[in-house]
Amino acid sequence: MTHVYVGLGSNIGDRIRFLSLALGAMARIPNSRLLRWSRVYETEPVGKKEQPLFLNMVAELETAQTSAGLLALLKEIERHVGRTTSERWGPREIDLDILYYGSEILNDADLKIPHPEVANRRFVLVPMKELASDLVDPLRQQTIQELCRVCQDNNAVRTTPMTVHPTE
């Protein structure tokens, strides 16, 4: 089993429902176990600024799926939960990204692990730090706590009172 961290984000529609549905679907991934998830954070959009605020979080799971197999399943979960085709950095119902897949380093056309923007995005680092502050990024050889401290992203990342539970 491999320890995996997945970033979840939503900024249109019923954002909490989309996150809950995605967590529920992740809990049902074959040969996998959803271990825990971070709090929900409200964050400013990156790239295209003229869009609603995001809700972001990170989930931790163990899986026997390959990284490519997990990516395919996460894309299927996005479609099932209700993601429609969107522009790069545009609004979306749900977005699921593999942030870390064990200590794997992968640079394929379809999948890059660790996620290439992890160190540049507070909306990823803050919930990651909540779950795994001492995790060492295998590419950068720094802990999540260190990456968070030196991150140059100044976008707001605010905790919310919203809670998410896996649902069907």
C-alpha atoms as a PDB file:
ATOM      1  CA  MET A   1       0.000   0.000   0.000  1.00  0.00           C
ATOM      2  CA  THR A   2       1.218   3.471  -0.876  1.00  0.00           C
ATOM      3  CA  HIS A   3       0.475   6.624   1.108  1.00  0.00           C
ATOM      4  CA  VAL A   4      -1.133   9.226  -1.146  1.00  0.00           C
ATOM      5  CA  TYR A   5      -2.254  12.827  -0.680  1.00  0.00           C
ATOM      6  CA  VAL A   6      -4.963  14.215  -2.939  1.00  0.00           C
ATOM      7  CA  GLY A   7      -5.939  17.868  -3.234  1.00  0.00           C
ATOM      8  CA  LEU A   8      -9.641  18.653  -3.547  1.00  0.00           C
ATOM      9  CA  GLY A   9     -11.097  21.961  -4.708  1.00  0.00           C
ATOM     10  CA  SER A  10     -14.475  23.409  -5.711  1.00  0.00           C
ATOM     11  CA  ASN A  11     -15.640  26.930  -6.478  1.00  0.00           C
ATOM     12  CA  ILE A  12     -19.026  26.695  -8.201  1.00  0.00           C
ATOM     13  CA  GLY A  13     -22.327  25.156  -7.238  1.00  0.00           C
ATOM     14  CA  ASP A  14     -22.799  23.405  -3.899  1.00  0.00           C
ATOM     15  CA  ARG A  15     -19.090  23.339  -3.043  1.00  0.00           C
ATOM     16  CA  ILE A  16     -19.435  21.411   0.243  1.00  0.00           C
ATOM     17  CA  ARG A  17     -21.633  18.790  -1.421  1.00  0.00           C
ATOM     18  CA  PHE A  18     -19.123  18.317  -4.240  1.00  0.00           C
ATOM     19  CA  LEU A  19     -16.274  17.868  -1.734  1.00  0.00           C
ATOM     20  CA  SER A  20     -18.361  15.411   0.318  1.00  0.00           C
ATOM     21  CA  LEU A  21     -19.334  13.385  -2.750  1.00  0.00           C
ATOM     22  CA  ALA A  22     -15.707  13.265  -3.910  1.00  0.00           C
ATOM     23  CA  LEU A  23     -14.526  12.086  -0.467  1.00  0.00           C
ATOM     24  CA  GLY A  24     -17.244   9.432  -0.444  1.00  0.00           C
ATOM     25  CA  ALA A  25     -16.194   8.180  -3.868  1.00  0.00           C
ATOM     26  CA  MET A  26     -12.531   8.174  -2.823  1.00  0.00           C
ATOM     27  CA  ALA A  27     -13.488   6.034   0.200  1.00  0.00           C
ATOM     28  CA  ARG A  28     -14.809   3.436  -2.264  1.00  0.00           C
ATOM     29  CA  ILE A  29     -11.727   3.222  -4.506  1.00  0.00           C
ATOM     30  CA  PRO A  30     -10.887  -0.494  -4.794  1.00  0.00           C
ATOM     31  CA  ASN A  31      -7.872  -1.703  -2.812  1.00  0.00           C
ATOM     32  CA  SER A  32      -7.654   1.637  -1.034  1.00  0.00           C
ATOM     33  CA  ARG A  33      -8.511   3.174   2.291  1.00  0.00           C
ATOM     34  CA  LEU A  34      -9.394   6.793   2.961  1.00  0.00           C
ATOM     35  CA  LEU A  35      -7.483   7.591   6.164  1.00  0.00           C
ATOM     36  CA  ARG A  36      -8.326  11.201   7.001  1.00  0.00           C
ATOM     37  CA  TRP A  37      -8.800  14.646   5.562  1.00  0.00           C
ATOM     38  CA  SER A  38      -7.966  18.228   6.446  1.00  0.00           C
ATOM     39  CA  ARG A  39     -10.298  21.000   7.422  1.00  0.00           C
ATOM     40  CA  VAL A  40     -11.969  22.984   4.661  1.00  0.00           C
ATOM     41  CA  TYR A  41     -10.233  26.215   3.656  1.00  0.00           C
ATOM     42  CA  GLU A  42     -11.663  29.085   1.644  1.00  0.00           C
ATOM     43  CA  THR A  43      -9.079  30.351  -0.806  1.00  0.00           C
ATOM     44  CA  GLU A  44      -8.596  32.938  -3.488  1.00  0.00           C
ATOM     45  CA  PRO A  45      -8.409  31.676  -7.069  1.00  0.00           C
ATOM     46  CA  VAL A  46      -5.029  31.393  -8.759  1.00  0.00           C
ATOM     47  CA  GLY A  47      -4.520  32.366 -12.390  1.00  0.00           C
ATOM     48  CA  LYS A  48      -7.927  33.617 -13.466  1.00  0.00           C
ATOM     49  CA  LYS A  49      -8.880  35.933 -10.576  1.00  0.00           C
ATOM     50  CA  GLU A  50     -12.417  36.886 -11.712  1.00  0.00           C
ATOM     51  CA  GLN A  51     -14.201  33.831 -10.334  1.00  0.00           C
ATOM     52  CA  PRO A  52     -15.751  32.666  -7.039  1.00  0.00           C
ATOM     53  CA  LEU A  53     -13.618  31.714  -4.039  1.00  0.00           C
ATOM     54  CA  PHE A  54     -12.565  28.073  -3.770  1.00  0.00           C
ATOM     55  CA  LEU A  55     -13.062  25.591  -0.991  1.00  0.00           C
ATOM     56  CA  ASN A  56      -9.912  23.464  -0.749  1.00  0.00           C
ATOM     57  CA  MET A  57      -8.785  20.536   1.354  1.00  0.00           C
ATOM     58  CA  VAL A  58      -6.418  17.565   1.245  1.00  0.00           C
ATOM     59  CA  ALA A  59      -7.271  13.887   1.742  1.00  0.00           C
ATOM     60  CA  GLU A  60      -4.858  11.159   2.811  1.00  0.00           C
ATOM     61  CA  LEU A  61      -5.314   7.591   1.637  1.00  0.00           C
ATOM     62  CA  GLU A  62      -3.500   4.314   1.268  1.00  0.00           C
ATOM     63  CA  THR A  63      -3.838   2.520  -2.032  1.00  0.00           C
ATOM     64  CA  ALA A  64      -2.628  -0.462  -3.966  1.00  0.00           C
ATOM     65  CA  GLN A  65      -3.566   1.344  -7.187  1.00  0.00           C
ATOM     66  CA  THR A  66      -0.722   2.493  -9.420  1.00  0.00           C
ATOM     67  CA  SER A  67      -0.340   6.250  -9.717  1.00  0.00           C
ATOM     68  CA  ALA A  68      -1.700   6.129 -13.288  1.00  0.00           C
ATOM     69  CA  GLY A  69      -4.577   3.894 -12.194  1.00  0.00           C
ATOM     70  CA  LEU A  70      -5.411   6.236  -9.326  1.00  0.00           C
ATOM     71  CA  LEU A  71      -5.347   9.235 -11.670  1.00  0.00           C
ATOM     72  CA  ALA A  72      -7.845   7.510 -13.987  1.00  0.00           C
ATOM     73  CA  LEU A  73     -10.122   6.746 -11.028  1.00  0.00           C
ATOM     74  CA  LEU A  74      -9.909  10.334  -9.739  1.00  0.00           C
ATOM     75  CA  LYS A  75     -10.852  11.677 -13.192  1.00  0.00           C
ATOM     76  CA  GLU A  76     -13.827   9.295 -13.208  1.00  0.00           C
ATOM     77  CA  ILE A  77     -14.830  10.545  -9.741  1.00  0.00           C
ATOM     78  CA  GLU A  78     -14.682  14.139 -11.024  1.00  0.00           C
ATOM     79  CA  ARG A  79     -17.075  13.244 -13.866  1.00  0.00           C
ATOM     80  CA  HIS A  80     -19.368  11.292 -11.538  1.00  0.00           C
ATOM     81  CA  VAL A  81     -19.519  14.116  -8.984  1.00  0.00           C
ATOM     82  CA  GLY A  82     -20.446  16.586 -11.724  1.00  0.00           C
ATOM     83  CA  ARG A  83     -17.384  18.233 -13.174  1.00  0.00           C
ATOM     84  CA  THR A  84     -17.978  19.784 -16.524  1.00  0.00           C
ATOM     85  CA  THR A  85     -15.221  20.686 -18.945  1.00  0.00           C
ATOM     86  CA  SER A  86     -13.573  23.901 -17.863  1.00  0.00           C
ATOM     87  CA  GLU A  87     -10.822  26.207 -18.964  1.00  0.00           C
ATOM     88  CA  ARG A  88      -7.401  25.993 -17.362  1.00  0.00           C
ATOM     89  CA  TRP A  89      -7.504  27.708 -13.946  1.00  0.00           C
ATOM     90  CA  GLY A  90     -11.199  28.422 -14.500  1.00  0.00           C
ATOM     91  CA  PRO A  91     -14.189  27.731 -12.264  1.00  0.00           C
ATOM     92  CA  ARG A  92     -15.000  24.088 -11.541  1.00  0.00           C
ATOM     93  CA  GLU A  93     -17.423  21.976  -9.599  1.00  0.00           C
ATOM     94  CA  ILE A  94     -14.689  19.632  -8.373  1.00  0.00           C
ATOM     95  CA  ASP A  95     -10.985  19.203  -8.963  1.00  0.00           C
ATOM     96  CA  LEU A  96      -8.943  16.255  -7.666  1.00  0.00           C
ATOM     97  CA  ASP A  97      -5.155  16.262  -7.955  1.00  0.00           C
ATOM     98  CA  ILE A  98      -2.594  13.719  -6.803  1.00  0.00           C
ATOM     99  CA  LEU A  99      -0.159  15.802  -4.764  1.00  0.00           C
ATOM    100  CA  TYR A 100       2.089  13.027  -3.474  1.00  0.00           C
ATOM    101  CA  TYR A 101       2.172   9.322  -4.237  1.00  0.00           C
ATOM    102  CA  GLY A 102       4.520   7.874  -1.641  1.00  0.00           C
ATOM    103  CA  SER A 103       8.037   9.016  -2.474  1.00  0.00           C
ATOM    104  CA  GLU A 104       7.482   8.602  -6.218  1.00  0.00           C
ATOM    105  CA  ILE A 105       8.896  11.153  -8.634  1.00  0.00           C
ATOM    106  CA  LEU A 106       7.195  11.012 -12.020  1.00  0.00           C
ATOM    107  CA  ASN A 107       7.338  13.386 -14.967  1.00  0.00           C
ATOM    108  CA  ASP A 108       5.027  11.933 -17.612  1.00  0.00           C
ATOM    109  CA  ALA A 109       2.977  13.982 -20.052  1.00  0.00           C
ATOM    110  CA  ASP A 110      -0.264  13.069 -18.243  1.00  0.00           C
ATOM    111  CA  LEU A 111       0.965  12.869 -14.659  1.00  0.00           C
ATOM    112  CA  LYS A 112       3.620  14.667 -12.669  1.00  0.00           C
ATOM    113  CA  ILE A 113       4.373  13.597  -9.098  1.00  0.00           C
ATOM    114  CA  PRO A 114       4.863  15.437  -6.819  1.00  0.00           C
ATOM    115  CA  HIS A 115       2.313  17.814  -8.306  1.00  0.00           C
ATOM    116  CA  PRO A 116       4.460  20.525  -9.947  1.00  0.00           C
ATOM    117  CA  GLU A 117       2.679  23.420  -8.216  1.00  0.00           C
ATOM    118  CA  VAL A 118       2.665  22.042  -4.643  1.00  0.00           C
ATOM    119  CA  ALA A 119       5.456  24.316  -3.426  1.00  0.00           C
ATOM    120  CA  ASN A 120       3.877  27.395  -5.055  1.00  0.00           C
ATOM    121  CA  ARG A 121       0.336  27.094  -3.712  1.00  0.00           C
ATOM    122  CA  ARG A 122      -0.669  28.028  -0.160  1.00  0.00           C
ATOM    123  CA  PHE A 123      -4.099  26.476  -0.761  1.00  0.00           C
ATOM    124  CA  VAL A 124      -2.298  23.108  -1.042  1.00  0.00           C
ATOM    125  CA  LEU A 125       0.461  23.600   1.524  1.00  0.00           C
ATOM    126  CA  VAL A 126      -1.733  24.791   4.402  1.00  0.00           C
ATOM    127  CA  PRO A 127      -4.039  21.730   4.435  1.00  0.00           C
ATOM    128  CA  MET A 128      -1.047  19.464   3.693  1.00  0.00           C
ATOM    129  CA  LYS A 129       0.744  20.927   6.710  1.00  0.00           C
ATOM    130  CA  GLU A 130      -2.296  20.090   8.845  1.00  0.00           C
ATOM    131  CA  LEU A 131      -2.025  16.413   7.839  1.00  0.00           C
ATOM    132  CA  ALA A 132       1.693  15.883   7.283  1.00  0.00           C
ATOM    133  CA  SER A 133       3.899  18.811   8.284  1.00  0.00           C
ATOM    134  CA  ASP A 134       7.000  16.572   8.475  1.00  0.00           C
ATOM    135  CA  LEU A 135       6.453  14.858   5.118  1.00  0.00           C
ATOM    136  CA  VAL A 136       9.558  15.362   2.974  1.00  0.00           C
ATOM    137  CA  ASP A 137       8.859  16.383  -0.607  1.00  0.00           C
ATOM    138  CA  PRO A 138      10.887  13.799  -2.569  1.00  0.00           C
ATOM    139  CA  LEU A 139      11.750  16.262  -5.329  1.00  0.00           C
ATOM    140  CA  ARG A 140      12.634  19.321  -3.284  1.00  0.00           C
ATOM    141  CA  GLN A 141      13.962  17.510  -0.166  1.00  0.00           C
ATOM    142  CA  GLN A 142      12.130  19.905   2.152  1.00  0.00           C
ATOM    143  CA  THR A 143       9.326  19.199   4.598  1.00  0.00           C
ATOM    144  CA  ILE A 144       5.830  20.528   3.991  1.00  0.00           C
ATOM    145  CA  GLN A 145       6.366  22.848   6.955  1.00  0.00           C
ATOM    146  CA  GLU A 146       9.530  24.246   5.316  1.00  0.00           C
ATOM    147  CA  LEU A 147       7.806  24.599   1.934  1.00  0.00           C
ATOM    148  CA  CYS A 148       4.939  26.436   3.614  1.00  0.00           C
ATOM    149  CA  ARG A 149       7.332  28.807   5.356  1.00  0.00           C
ATOM    150  CA  VAL A 150       9.149  29.814   2.138  1.00  0.00           C
ATOM    151  CA  CYS A 151       6.139  29.794  -0.208  1.00  0.00           C
ATOM    152  CA  GLN A 152       5.842  33.116  -2.040  1.00  0.00           C
ATOM    153  CA  ASP A 153       2.103  32.779  -2.745  1.00  0.00           C
ATOM    154  CA  ASN A 154       0.320  35.578  -0.878  1.00  0.00           C
ATOM    155  CA  ASN A 155      -3.249  34.494  -1.663  1.00  0.00           C
ATOM    156  CA  ALA A 156      -5.499  34.220   1.377  1.00  0.00           C
ATOM    157  CA  VAL A 157      -6.162  30.759   2.841  1.00  0.00           C
ATOM    158  CA  ARG A 158      -8.798  30.940   5.581  1.00  0.00           C
ATOM    159  CA  THR A 159     -10.137  28.150   7.757  1.00  0.00           C
ATOM    160  CA  THR A 160     -13.895  27.772   7.616  1.00  0.00           C
ATOM    161  CA  PRO A 161     -16.414  26.364  10.079  1.00  0.00           C
ATOM    162  CA  MET A 162     -17.653  24.079   7.295  1.00  0.00           C
ATOM    163  CA  THR A 163     -17.217  20.353   7.754  1.00  0.00           C
ATOM    164  CA  VAL A 164     -17.123  17.668   5.138  1.00  0.00           C
ATOM    165  CA  HIS A 165     -18.000  14.007   5.553  1.00  0.00           C
ATOM    166  CA  PRO A 166     -17.808  11.354   2.859  1.00  0.00           C
ATOM    167  CA  THR A 167     -21.259  10.849   1.289  1.00  0.00           C
ATOM    168  CA  GLU A 168     -22.669   8.852  -1.584  1.00  0.00           C
END
